[in-house]
Amino acid sequence: MAVDDRDAPVARTIQECLHSALWNGTLALAPLGQPLPSGLVQIPFADRPPSYVVVAWNSARTSPLIRSFTQVAGEVIPRCC
């Protein structure tokens, strides 16, 4: 069954996603530890393994922002695999 999502809210950031859940009653998924707006509660999935985040970018881009972000992320996030 096709879903018509033309009237669905568009969330461009985690904060917009969380506020959509607060205001419209939609479901939001957020990282543990993400500060929540007043009125929302966080319920972790107890029967699911942790998820992993992958960062990817176009290797032709030489932006200092990409380089800085990946350097900082690599220093604060432990490598798993």
Protein backbone atom coordinates (compact mmCIF):
# COMPACT_ATOMS: atom_id res chain seq x y z
CA MET A 1 0.00 0.00 0.00
CA ALA A 2 1.48 3.34 -1.03
CA VAL A 3 1.75 6.06 1.58
CA ASP A 4 0.96 9.64 0.60
CA ASP A 5 3.46 11.70 2.57
CA ARG A 6 2.97 15.05 0.81
CA ASP A 7 1.46 16.53 3.97
CA ALA A 8 3.97 14.93 6.31
CA PRO A 9 6.27 17.25 8.24
CA VAL A 10 9.80 17.60 6.88
CA ALA A 11 12.53 17.31 9.49
CA ARG A 12 15.99 18.48 8.46
CA THR A 13 17.64 18.17 11.88
CA ILE A 14 17.25 15.92 14.92
CA GLN A 15 15.77 18.88 16.80
CA GLU A 16 13.08 19.35 14.12
CA CYS A 17 12.36 15.60 14.23
CA LEU A 18 11.96 15.66 18.02
CA HIS A 19 9.74 18.75 17.93
CA SER A 20 7.61 17.08 15.27
CA ALA A 21 7.12 14.16 17.64
CA LEU A 22 6.18 16.56 20.41
CA TRP A 23 3.79 18.71 18.35
CA ASN A 24 2.29 16.18 15.92
CA GLY A 25 2.53 12.91 17.79
CA THR A 26 4.84 11.36 15.22
CA LEU A 27 7.51 8.82 16.12
CA ALA A 28 11.12 9.96 16.37
CA LEU A 29 14.32 7.96 16.62
CA ALA A 30 17.22 9.69 18.34
CA PRO A 31 20.61 8.73 19.72
CA LEU A 32 20.72 7.86 23.43
CA GLY A 33 21.88 10.93 25.26
CA GLN A 34 20.24 13.34 22.81
CA PRO A 35 18.68 16.14 24.89
CA LEU A 36 14.91 15.92 24.58
CA PRO A 37 12.38 18.76 24.63
CA SER A 38 10.21 18.88 27.73
CA GLY A 39 7.28 16.51 27.28
CA LEU A 40 9.15 13.72 25.47
CA VAL A 41 10.60 10.58 27.00
CA GLN A 42 13.25 8.25 25.64
CA ILE A 43 12.68 4.51 25.60
CA PRO A 44 15.72 2.49 24.44
CA PHE A 45 15.24 -0.69 22.42
CA ALA A 46 16.27 -3.36 24.91
CA ASP A 47 16.12 -6.24 22.42
CA ARG A 48 18.20 -4.66 19.65
CA PRO A 49 21.96 -4.42 19.30
CA PRO A 50 23.55 -0.96 19.11
CA SER A 51 23.48 0.67 15.70
CA TYR A 52 26.54 2.07 14.01
CA VAL A 53 26.93 5.39 12.24
CA VAL A 54 28.80 5.63 8.97
CA VAL A 55 30.24 8.89 7.71
CA ALA A 56 30.78 9.10 3.97
CA TRP A 57 31.69 11.93 1.65
CA ASN A 58 32.78 12.53 -1.91
CA SER A 59 36.55 11.96 -1.95
CA ALA A 60 36.91 14.69 -4.58
CA ARG A 61 35.80 17.28 -2.00
CA THR A 62 38.69 18.79 -0.09
CA SER A 63 36.71 20.98 2.29
CA PRO A 64 38.50 21.81 5.55
CA LEU A 65 35.14 21.32 7.30
CA ILE A 66 34.98 17.68 6.19
CA ARG A 67 38.60 17.13 7.19
CA SER A 68 38.04 18.72 10.63
CA PHE A 69 34.80 16.84 11.27
CA THR A 70 36.26 13.46 10.41
CA GLN A 71 39.37 14.15 12.48
CA VAL A 72 37.35 15.12 15.57
CA ALA A 73 34.90 12.25 15.10
CA GLY A 74 37.78 9.81 14.81
CA GLU A 75 39.25 11.09 18.07
CA VAL A 76 36.06 10.93 20.15
CA ILE A 77 34.30 7.88 18.72
CA PRO A 78 35.93 4.52 19.37
CA ARG A 79 36.53 2.34 16.33
CA CYS A 80 34.57 -0.87 16.36
CA CYS A 81 35.20 -2.93 13.25
